[in-house]
Amino acid sequence: MPSSSSSSHLIPTSFSKSWKYDVFMSFRGEDTRKTFVDHLYSALEQQGIYTYKDDETLSRGMPIGRSLLNAIQESRIIVIVFSKNYADSSWCLDALECIIECMDKRGQIVMPVFYDVDPSDVRKQNGKFEEAFAKHESEYKHKVESWRRALVKAGNLSGWVPKDFANGHEAKCIKDIVGKISSRLLKSVNKDLIGIETRLQDLKSKMEIGSGGVRMVGIWGVGGGGKTTLASVAYTEISHQFEAHCILENIRDESRKHGLKKVEKLTETY
């Protein structure tokens, strides 16, 4: 990240909204990479949500690479996992500054998770965040104020505090996060699909989710009428409510080419 106190020049003032990733995850690797972040990433991938999770470890003082900045800019939703040592990393703070700027300029959705920290610690830079900034004051004096502003904005966003959610059950918190992300992605897609909301609600009413038992619903219509699109949108919206789920496409063609046994094997991993 350049030495300027603002990263405003990193995000172009004119752009076309094309999202390469559904979700970008920002986190302090030493704190959560093998625990909460790992479980959340797996849950997102299982849901079919294309997620960028940086697995590189940069040395202290190394700037954020252009590829990472591009990934932030090209992600529809950004999840920030704030942990106790998040602010220790100048790299994380540089990324956060870029994330907040993307939120303001590109309209990206930012969802914070306050993992083992209070939102007020992030907003006010208290506790471990205060200790981190005391160290940054000398080495990164030109960046401190912009980092503080980014933390204030992020700390004021509505998010999750896992230790206070469902009596501290992280699995339930992760399930809720994935559900909310799926819902936001669906709403984004629906804006471009004329009439999909009405058709989706009609389909869901026929499925009678929560009524118990097994239900099969068929969608009939002429080719090109949007049957597959409707089924895919319905799957994206409701699949997180079930312990196991999968979607199989082109069953007729696949079964003709490889036989029904091949199709059956595709479901065995779910």
C-alpha atoms as a PDB file:
ATOM      1  CA  MET A   1       0.000   0.000   0.000  1.00  0.00           C
ATOM      2  CA  PRO A   2       1.410   3.409  -0.894  1.00  0.00           C
ATOM      3  CA  SER A   3       2.593   5.707   1.854  1.00  0.00           C
ATOM      4  CA  SER A   4      -0.193   8.224   1.313  1.00  0.00           C
ATOM      5  CA  SER A   5      -2.556   8.740   4.244  1.00  0.00           C
ATOM      6  CA  SER A   6      -5.407   7.949   1.880  1.00  0.00           C
ATOM      7  CA  SER A   7      -5.839   5.109  -0.589  1.00  0.00           C
ATOM      8  CA  SER A   8      -8.460   6.965  -2.623  1.00  0.00           C
ATOM      9  CA  HIS A   9      -6.373   6.719  -5.789  1.00  0.00           C
ATOM     10  CA  LEU A  10      -6.492   2.921  -5.610  1.00  0.00           C
ATOM     11  CA  ILE A  11     -10.159   2.773  -6.587  1.00  0.00           C
ATOM     12  CA  PRO A  12     -11.035   4.296  -9.975  1.00  0.00           C
ATOM     13  CA  THR A  13     -13.740   6.941  -9.962  1.00  0.00           C
ATOM     14  CA  SER A  14     -15.390   5.321 -12.968  1.00  0.00           C
ATOM     15  CA  PHE A  15     -15.948   1.587 -13.205  1.00  0.00           C
ATOM     16  CA  SER A  16     -18.301  -1.109 -14.404  1.00  0.00           C
ATOM     17  CA  LYS A  17     -19.685  -3.403 -11.719  1.00  0.00           C
ATOM     18  CA  SER A  18     -18.543  -6.885 -12.622  1.00  0.00           C
ATOM     19  CA  TRP A  19     -17.970  -9.213  -9.691  1.00  0.00           C
ATOM     20  CA  LYS A  20     -15.378 -11.976 -10.005  1.00  0.00           C
ATOM     21  CA  TYR A  21     -15.930 -13.333  -6.479  1.00  0.00           C
ATOM     22  CA  ASP A  22     -19.034 -13.649  -4.346  1.00  0.00           C
ATOM     23  CA  VAL A  23     -17.118 -13.111  -1.106  1.00  0.00           C
ATOM     24  CA  PHE A  24     -13.710 -11.817  -0.043  1.00  0.00           C
ATOM     25  CA  MET A  25     -12.496 -12.741   3.450  1.00  0.00           C
ATOM     26  CA  SER A  26     -10.253 -10.385   5.440  1.00  0.00           C
ATOM     27  CA  PHE A  27      -8.715 -11.808   8.619  1.00  0.00           C
ATOM     28  CA  ARG A  28      -5.608 -12.062  10.772  1.00  0.00           C
ATOM     29  CA  GLY A  29      -4.161 -15.431   9.826  1.00  0.00           C
ATOM     30  CA  GLU A  30      -2.368 -16.147  13.082  1.00  0.00           C
ATOM     31  CA  ASP A  31      -5.619 -15.763  15.031  1.00  0.00           C
ATOM     32  CA  THR A  32      -8.300 -17.472  12.969  1.00  0.00           C
ATOM     33  CA  ARG A  33      -6.935 -19.101   9.811  1.00  0.00           C
ATOM     34  CA  LYS A  34      -7.157 -22.666  11.159  1.00  0.00           C
ATOM     35  CA  THR A  35     -10.261 -22.165  13.296  1.00  0.00           C
ATOM     36  CA  PHE A  36     -13.219 -19.844  12.654  1.00  0.00           C
ATOM     37  CA  VAL A  37     -12.106 -18.669   9.210  1.00  0.00           C
ATOM     38  CA  ASP A  38     -11.411 -22.226   8.076  1.00  0.00           C
ATOM     39  CA  HIS A  39     -14.892 -23.392   9.145  1.00  0.00           C
ATOM     40  CA  LEU A  40     -16.604 -20.365   7.602  1.00  0.00           C
ATOM     41  CA  TYR A  41     -14.721 -20.759   4.323  1.00  0.00           C
ATOM     42  CA  SER A  42     -15.665 -24.441   4.112  1.00  0.00           C
ATOM     43  CA  ALA A  43     -19.325 -23.624   4.793  1.00  0.00           C
ATOM     44  CA  LEU A  44     -19.332 -20.962   2.060  1.00  0.00           C
ATOM     45  CA  GLU A  45     -17.682 -23.264  -0.464  1.00  0.00           C
ATOM     46  CA  GLN A  46     -20.119 -26.065   0.359  1.00  0.00           C
ATOM     47  CA  GLN A  47     -22.941 -23.644  -0.348  1.00  0.00           C
ATOM     48  CA  GLY A  48     -21.456 -22.924  -3.757  1.00  0.00           C
ATOM     49  CA  ILE A  49     -20.433 -19.381  -2.840  1.00  0.00           C
ATOM     50  CA  TYR A  50     -17.241 -18.448  -4.695  1.00  0.00           C
ATOM     51  CA  THR A  51     -14.959 -17.120  -1.956  1.00  0.00           C
ATOM     52  CA  TYR A  52     -11.519 -15.511  -2.041  1.00  0.00           C
ATOM     53  CA  LYS A  53      -9.422 -16.403   1.012  1.00  0.00           C
ATOM     54  CA  ASP A  54      -5.834 -15.234   0.927  1.00  0.00           C
ATOM     55  CA  ASP A  55      -3.511 -17.979   2.146  1.00  0.00           C
ATOM     56  CA  GLU A  56      -0.254 -16.137   1.720  1.00  0.00           C
ATOM     57  CA  THR A  57       1.754 -14.901   4.678  1.00  0.00           C
ATOM     58  CA  LEU A  58       3.482 -11.588   4.026  1.00  0.00           C
ATOM     59  CA  SER A  59       6.492 -10.399   5.983  1.00  0.00           C
ATOM     60  CA  ARG A  60       6.094  -7.394   8.260  1.00  0.00           C
ATOM     61  CA  GLY A  61       6.125  -4.164   6.284  1.00  0.00           C
ATOM     62  CA  MET A  62       5.406  -5.799   2.923  1.00  0.00           C
ATOM     63  CA  PRO A  63       2.790  -3.891   0.877  1.00  0.00           C
ATOM     64  CA  ILE A  64      -0.450  -5.428  -0.325  1.00  0.00           C
ATOM     65  CA  GLY A  65      -0.057  -6.787  -3.817  1.00  0.00           C
ATOM     66  CA  ARG A  66      -2.117  -5.580  -6.752  1.00  0.00           C
ATOM     67  CA  SER A  67      -3.704  -9.026  -7.100  1.00  0.00           C
ATOM     68  CA  LEU A  68      -5.116  -8.765  -3.587  1.00  0.00           C
ATOM     69  CA  LEU A  69      -6.411  -5.249  -4.186  1.00  0.00           C
ATOM     70  CA  ASN A  70      -8.076  -6.481  -7.358  1.00  0.00           C
ATOM     71  CA  ALA A  71      -9.680  -9.346  -5.460  1.00  0.00           C
ATOM     72  CA  ILE A  72     -11.129  -6.892  -2.936  1.00  0.00           C
ATOM     73  CA  GLN A  73     -12.490  -4.653  -5.679  1.00  0.00           C
ATOM     74  CA  GLU A  74     -13.971  -7.597  -7.599  1.00  0.00           C
ATOM     75  CA  SER A  75     -15.855  -9.159  -4.660  1.00  0.00           C
ATOM     76  CA  ARG A  76     -19.575  -8.519  -4.182  1.00  0.00           C
ATOM     77  CA  ILE A  77     -19.496  -9.094  -0.420  1.00  0.00           C
ATOM     78  CA  ILE A  78     -16.564  -8.629   1.955  1.00  0.00           C
ATOM     79  CA  VAL A  79     -16.434 -10.413   5.312  1.00  0.00           C
ATOM     80  CA  ILE A  80     -14.012  -8.949   7.848  1.00  0.00           C
ATOM     81  CA  VAL A  81     -13.136 -11.194  10.781  1.00  0.00           C
ATOM     82  CA  PHE A  82     -11.859  -8.871  13.501  1.00  0.00           C
ATOM     83  CA  SER A  83      -9.796 -10.724  16.101  1.00  0.00           C
ATOM     84  CA  LYS A  84      -7.614  -9.595  19.008  1.00  0.00           C
ATOM     85  CA  ASN A  85      -4.465  -9.226  16.919  1.00  0.00           C
ATOM     86  CA  TYR A  86      -6.086  -7.930  13.720  1.00  0.00           C
ATOM     87  CA  ALA A  87      -4.724  -4.407  14.224  1.00  0.00           C
ATOM     88  CA  ASP A  88      -1.184  -5.716  14.853  1.00  0.00           C
ATOM     89  CA  SER A  89      -0.893  -6.236  11.120  1.00  0.00           C
ATOM     90  CA  SER A  90      -0.285  -3.156   8.987  1.00  0.00           C
ATOM     91  CA  TRP A  91      -1.146  -5.396   6.046  1.00  0.00           C
ATOM     92  CA  CYS A  92      -4.635  -6.108   7.480  1.00  0.00           C
ATOM     93  CA  LEU A  93      -5.163  -2.405   8.170  1.00  0.00           C
ATOM     94  CA  ASP A  94      -4.146  -1.473   4.623  1.00  0.00           C
ATOM     95  CA  ALA A  95      -6.614  -4.051   3.300  1.00  0.00           C
ATOM     96  CA  LEU A  96      -9.328  -2.705   5.600  1.00  0.00           C
ATOM     97  CA  GLU A  97      -8.780   0.821   4.310  1.00  0.00           C
ATOM     98  CA  CYS A  98      -9.228  -0.441   0.752  1.00  0.00           C
ATOM     99  CA  ILE A  99     -12.337  -2.409   1.761  1.00  0.00           C
ATOM    100  CA  ILE A 100     -14.034   0.613   3.317  1.00  0.00           C
ATOM    101  CA  GLU A 101     -13.229   2.705   0.279  1.00  0.00           C
ATOM    102  CA  CYS A 102     -14.751   0.023  -1.963  1.00  0.00           C
ATOM    103  CA  MET A 103     -17.861   0.039   0.207  1.00  0.00           C
ATOM    104  CA  ASP A 104     -18.180   3.815  -0.157  1.00  0.00           C
ATOM    105  CA  LYS A 105     -17.335   4.076  -3.857  1.00  0.00           C
ATOM    106  CA  ARG A 106     -18.489   0.802  -5.379  1.00  0.00           C
ATOM    107  CA  GLY A 107     -21.404  -0.033  -3.100  1.00  0.00           C
ATOM    108  CA  GLN A 108     -19.953  -3.357  -1.985  1.00  0.00           C
ATOM    109  CA  ILE A 109     -21.500  -5.067   1.013  1.00  0.00           C
ATOM    110  CA  VAL A 110     -19.246  -5.319   4.085  1.00  0.00           C
ATOM    111  CA  MET A 111     -20.119  -7.749   6.882  1.00  0.00           C
ATOM    112  CA  PRO A 112     -17.950  -7.700  10.028  1.00  0.00           C
ATOM    113  CA  VAL A 113     -17.472 -10.571  12.464  1.00  0.00           C
ATOM    114  CA  PHE A 114     -16.148  -9.579  15.889  1.00  0.00           C
ATOM    115  CA  TYR A 115     -14.325 -12.723  16.925  1.00  0.00           C
ATOM    116  CA  ASP A 116     -13.355 -12.644  20.592  1.00  0.00           C
ATOM    117  CA  VAL A 117     -13.398  -8.832  20.514  1.00  0.00           C
ATOM    118  CA  ASP A 118     -16.102  -6.280  21.239  1.00  0.00           C
ATOM    119  CA  PRO A 119     -17.288  -3.983  18.434  1.00  0.00           C
ATOM    120  CA  SER A 120     -16.475  -1.015  20.686  1.00  0.00           C
ATOM    121  CA  ASP A 121     -12.818  -2.122  20.805  1.00  0.00           C
ATOM    122  CA  VAL A 122     -12.733  -1.837  17.019  1.00  0.00           C
ATOM    123  CA  ARG A 123     -14.580   1.494  16.892  1.00  0.00           C
ATOM    124  CA  LYS A 124     -12.617   3.157  19.686  1.00  0.00           C
ATOM    125  CA  GLN A 125      -9.353   1.210  19.300  1.00  0.00           C
ATOM    126  CA  ASN A 126      -9.435  -0.036  22.867  1.00  0.00           C
ATOM    127  CA  GLY A 127      -7.712  -3.019  24.436  1.00  0.00           C
ATOM    128  CA  LYS A 128      -5.416  -4.906  22.059  1.00  0.00           C
ATOM    129  CA  PHE A 129      -6.266  -2.440  19.291  1.00  0.00           C
ATOM    130  CA  GLU A 130      -4.976   0.426  21.424  1.00  0.00           C
ATOM    131  CA  GLU A 131      -1.756  -1.480  22.092  1.00  0.00           C
ATOM    132  CA  ALA A 132      -1.302  -2.134  18.385  1.00  0.00           C
ATOM    133  CA  PHE A 133      -1.740   1.517  17.469  1.00  0.00           C
ATOM    134  CA  ALA A 134       0.747   2.590  20.126  1.00  0.00           C
ATOM    135  CA  LYS A 135       3.335   0.582  18.156  1.00  0.00           C
ATOM    136  CA  HIS A 136       2.145   1.858  14.787  1.00  0.00           C
ATOM    137  CA  GLU A 137       2.405   5.538  15.785  1.00  0.00           C
ATOM    138  CA  SER A 138       6.149   5.675  15.178  1.00  0.00           C
ATOM    139  CA  GLU A 139       6.571   3.366  12.193  1.00  0.00           C
ATOM    140  CA  TYR A 140       3.378   4.176  10.270  1.00  0.00           C
ATOM    141  CA  LYS A 141       2.619   7.685  11.457  1.00  0.00           C
ATOM    142  CA  HIS A 142       1.441   8.734   7.973  1.00  0.00           C
ATOM    143  CA  LYS A 143      -1.191   5.974   7.897  1.00  0.00           C
ATOM    144  CA  VAL A 144      -2.527   5.848  11.446  1.00  0.00           C
ATOM    145  CA  GLU A 145      -5.342   8.372  11.043  1.00  0.00           C
ATOM    146  CA  SER A 146      -6.761   6.772   7.895  1.00  0.00           C
ATOM    147  CA  TRP A 147      -6.569   3.358   9.573  1.00  0.00           C
ATOM    148  CA  ARG A 148      -8.455   4.701  12.582  1.00  0.00           C
ATOM    149  CA  ARG A 149     -11.188   6.130  10.350  1.00  0.00           C
ATOM    150  CA  ALA A 150     -11.562   2.786   8.591  1.00  0.00           C
ATOM    151  CA  LEU A 151     -11.875   0.955  11.922  1.00  0.00           C
ATOM    152  CA  VAL A 152     -14.526   3.414  13.128  1.00  0.00           C
ATOM    153  CA  LYS A 153     -16.614   2.853   9.996  1.00  0.00           C
ATOM    154  CA  ALA A 154     -16.219  -0.916  10.115  1.00  0.00           C
ATOM    155  CA  GLY A 155     -16.936  -1.062  13.843  1.00  0.00           C
ATOM    156  CA  ASN A 156     -20.227   0.763  13.308  1.00  0.00           C
ATOM    157  CA  LEU A 157     -21.475  -1.788  10.772  1.00  0.00           C
ATOM    158  CA  SER A 158     -23.977  -4.429  11.809  1.00  0.00           C
ATOM    159  CA  GLY A 159     -22.329  -7.830  12.143  1.00  0.00           C
ATOM    160  CA  TRP A 160     -21.863 -10.874  14.336  1.00  0.00           C
ATOM    161  CA  VAL A 161     -20.284 -11.401  17.756  1.00  0.00           C
ATOM    162  CA  PRO A 162     -19.862 -15.218  17.844  1.00  0.00           C
ATOM    163  CA  LYS A 163     -19.365 -15.432  21.611  1.00  0.00           C
ATOM    164  CA  ASP A 164     -22.783 -13.803  22.106  1.00  0.00           C
ATOM    165  CA  PHE A 165     -24.581 -15.652  19.298  1.00  0.00           C
ATOM    166  CA  ALA A 166     -26.603 -18.776  20.155  1.00  0.00           C
ATOM    167  CA  ASN A 167     -24.875 -19.035  23.530  1.00  0.00           C
ATOM    168  CA  GLY A 168     -21.463 -19.155  21.886  1.00  0.00           C
ATOM    169  CA  HIS A 169     -22.134 -22.002  19.430  1.00  0.00           C
ATOM    170  CA  GLU A 170     -19.891 -21.068  16.512  1.00  0.00           C
ATOM    171  CA  ALA A 171     -21.452 -23.590  14.126  1.00  0.00           C
ATOM    172  CA  LYS A 172     -24.817 -21.870  14.486  1.00  0.00           C
ATOM    173  CA  CYS A 173     -23.217 -18.465  13.991  1.00  0.00           C
ATOM    174  CA  ILE A 174     -21.475 -19.651  10.830  1.00  0.00           C
ATOM    175  CA  LYS A 175     -24.734 -21.103   9.520  1.00  0.00           C
ATOM    176  CA  ASP A 176     -26.428 -17.753  10.076  1.00  0.00           C
ATOM    177  CA  ILE A 177     -23.613 -15.869   8.324  1.00  0.00           C
ATOM    178  CA  VAL A 178     -23.789 -18.172   5.302  1.00  0.00           C
ATOM    179  CA  GLY A 179     -27.571 -17.796   5.200  1.00  0.00           C
ATOM    180  CA  LYS A 180     -27.376 -14.005   5.273  1.00  0.00           C
ATOM    181  CA  ILE A 181     -24.712 -13.975   2.551  1.00  0.00           C
ATOM    182  CA  SER A 182     -26.790 -16.300   0.367  1.00  0.00           C
ATOM    183  CA  SER A 183     -29.792 -14.040   0.809  1.00  0.00           C
ATOM    184  CA  ARG A 184     -27.843 -10.898  -0.101  1.00  0.00           C
ATOM    185  CA  LEU A 185     -26.359 -12.554  -3.181  1.00  0.00           C
ATOM    186  CA  LEU A 186     -29.800 -13.706  -4.260  1.00  0.00           C
ATOM    187  CA  LYS A 187     -31.220 -10.201  -3.931  1.00  0.00           C
ATOM    188  CA  SER A 188     -28.360  -8.919  -6.059  1.00  0.00           C
ATOM    189  CA  VAL A 189     -29.076 -11.502  -8.763  1.00  0.00           C
ATOM    190  CA  ASN A 190     -32.831 -10.932  -8.620  1.00  0.00           C
ATOM    191  CA  LYS A 191     -32.427  -7.293  -9.654  1.00  0.00           C
ATOM    192  CA  ASP A 192     -31.397  -8.505 -13.102  1.00  0.00           C
ATOM    193  CA  LEU A 193     -34.067 -11.210 -13.398  1.00  0.00           C
ATOM    194  CA  ILE A 194     -37.376  -9.624 -14.318  1.00  0.00           C
ATOM    195  CA  GLY A 195     -40.322 -11.268 -12.582  1.00  0.00           C
ATOM    196  CA  ILE A 196     -38.208 -13.811 -10.683  1.00  0.00           C
ATOM    197  CA  GLU A 197     -39.391 -12.727  -7.219  1.00  0.00           C
ATOM    198  CA  THR A 198     -43.050 -13.556  -7.889  1.00  0.00           C
ATOM    199  CA  ARG A 199     -42.189 -16.911  -9.454  1.00  0.00           C
ATOM    200  CA  LEU A 200     -39.816 -17.731  -6.619  1.00  0.00           C
ATOM    201  CA  GLN A 201     -42.392 -17.014  -3.925  1.00  0.00           C
ATOM    202  CA  ASP A 202     -44.955 -19.143  -5.767  1.00  0.00           C
ATOM    203  CA  LEU A 203     -42.491 -22.040  -6.000  1.00  0.00           C
ATOM    204  CA  LYS A 204     -41.552 -21.781  -2.314  1.00  0.00           C
ATOM    205  CA  SER A 205     -45.195 -21.841  -1.256  1.00  0.00           C
ATOM    206  CA  LYS A 206     -45.678 -25.108  -3.161  1.00  0.00           C
ATOM    207  CA  MET A 207     -42.612 -26.641  -1.494  1.00  0.00           C
ATOM    208  CA  GLU A 208     -44.132 -26.074   1.967  1.00  0.00           C
ATOM    209  CA  ILE A 209     -40.759 -26.023   3.671  1.00  0.00           C
ATOM    210  CA  GLY A 210     -41.001 -26.951   7.340  1.00  0.00           C
ATOM    211  CA  SER A 211     -44.190 -28.964   6.986  1.00  0.00           C
ATOM    212  CA  GLY A 212     -42.325 -32.253   7.371  1.00  0.00           C
ATOM    213  CA  GLY A 213     -41.982 -35.240   5.078  1.00  0.00           C
ATOM    214  CA  VAL A 214     -40.527 -35.392   1.578  1.00  0.00           C
ATOM    215  CA  ARG A 215     -41.823 -33.240  -1.237  1.00  0.00           C
ATOM    216  CA  MET A 216     -41.115 -33.273  -4.963  1.00  0.00           C
ATOM    217  CA  VAL A 217     -41.963 -30.267  -7.105  1.00  0.00           C
ATOM    218  CA  GLY A 218     -41.756 -30.242 -10.880  1.00  0.00           C
ATOM    219  CA  ILE A 219     -41.313 -27.119 -13.014  1.00  0.00           C
ATOM    220  CA  TRP A 220     -42.848 -27.499 -16.448  1.00  0.00           C
ATOM    221  CA  GLY A 221     -42.586 -25.134 -19.402  1.00  0.00           C
ATOM    222  CA  VAL A 222     -41.192 -24.463 -22.839  1.00  0.00           C
ATOM    223  CA  GLY A 223     -37.458 -24.477 -23.472  1.00  0.00           C
ATOM    224  CA  GLY A 224     -35.740 -21.216 -22.589  1.00  0.00           C
ATOM    225  CA  GLY A 225     -38.536 -20.190 -20.253  1.00  0.00           C
ATOM    226  CA  GLY A 226     -36.293 -19.902 -17.191  1.00  0.00           C
ATOM    227  CA  LYS A 227     -37.011 -23.243 -15.471  1.00  0.00           C
ATOM    228  CA  THR A 228     -33.357 -23.940 -14.640  1.00  0.00           C
ATOM    229  CA  THR A 229     -32.808 -20.354 -13.535  1.00  0.00           C
ATOM    230  CA  LEU A 230     -35.804 -20.506 -11.200  1.00  0.00           C
ATOM    231  CA  ALA A 231     -34.648 -23.819  -9.726  1.00  0.00           C
ATOM    232  CA  SER A 232     -31.117 -22.477  -9.217  1.00  0.00           C
ATOM    233  CA  VAL A 233     -32.342 -19.308  -7.517  1.00  0.00           C
ATOM    234  CA  ALA A 234     -34.628 -21.350  -5.234  1.00  0.00           C
ATOM    235  CA  TYR A 235     -31.739 -23.656  -4.347  1.00  0.00           C
ATOM    236  CA  THR A 236     -29.452 -20.722  -3.527  1.00  0.00           C
ATOM    237  CA  GLU A 237     -32.038 -19.194  -1.220  1.00  0.00           C
ATOM    238  CA  ILE A 238     -33.175 -22.249   0.781  1.00  0.00           C
ATOM    239  CA  SER A 239     -30.363 -24.830   0.687  1.00  0.00           C
ATOM    240  CA  HIS A 240     -28.610 -23.418   3.768  1.00  0.00           C
ATOM    241  CA  GLN A 241     -31.648 -24.454   5.829  1.00  0.00           C
ATOM    242  CA  PHE A 242     -30.818 -28.138   5.316  1.00  0.00           C
ATOM    243  CA  GLU A 243     -28.019 -30.233   6.777  1.00  0.00           C
ATOM    244  CA  ALA A 244     -27.236 -31.798   3.392  1.00  0.00           C
ATOM    245  CA  HIS A 245     -28.000 -30.518  -0.079  1.00  0.00           C
ATOM    246  CA  CYS A 246     -26.781 -30.632  -3.666  1.00  0.00           C
ATOM    247  CA  ILE A 247     -27.868 -29.500  -7.090  1.00  0.00           C
ATOM    248  CA  LEU A 248     -27.437 -31.702 -10.169  1.00  0.00           C
ATOM    249  CA  GLU A 249     -27.620 -30.115 -13.586  1.00  0.00           C
ATOM    250  CA  ASN A 250     -28.185 -31.658 -17.011  1.00  0.00           C
ATOM    251  CA  ILE A 251     -29.200 -35.039 -15.584  1.00  0.00           C
ATOM    252  CA  ARG A 252     -30.659 -36.227 -18.908  1.00  0.00           C
ATOM    253  CA  ASP A 253     -27.468 -35.473 -20.853  1.00  0.00           C
ATOM    254  CA  GLU A 254     -25.171 -36.779 -18.112  1.00  0.00           C
ATOM    255  CA  SER A 255     -27.123 -40.017 -17.706  1.00  0.00           C
ATOM    256  CA  ARG A 256     -27.081 -40.602 -21.467  1.00  0.00           C
ATOM    257  CA  LYS A 257     -23.326 -40.083 -21.632  1.00  0.00           C
ATOM    258  CA  HIS A 258     -22.232 -41.810 -18.438  1.00  0.00           C
ATOM    259  CA  GLY A 259     -25.249 -43.754 -17.160  1.00  0.00           C
ATOM    260  CA  LEU A 260     -27.365 -43.279 -14.033  1.00  0.00           C
ATOM    261  CA  LYS A 261     -24.675 -44.873 -11.844  1.00  0.00           C
ATOM    262  CA  LYS A 262     -22.388 -41.932 -12.579  1.00  0.00           C
ATOM    263  CA  VAL A 263     -25.135 -39.485 -11.614  1.00  0.00           C
ATOM    264  CA  GLU A 264     -25.788 -41.453  -8.431  1.00  0.00           C
ATOM    265  CA  LYS A 265     -22.122 -41.185  -7.424  1.00  0.00           C
ATOM    266  CA  LEU A 266     -22.289 -37.400  -7.689  1.00  0.00           C
ATOM    267  CA  THR A 267     -24.684 -37.328  -4.747  1.00  0.00           C
ATOM    268  CA  GLU A 268     -22.624 -39.618  -2.513  1.00  0.00           C
ATOM    269  CA  THR A 269     -20.282 -36.812  -1.418  1.00  0.00           C
ATOM    270  CA  TYR A 270     -23.155 -34.718  -0.027  1.00  0.00           C
END
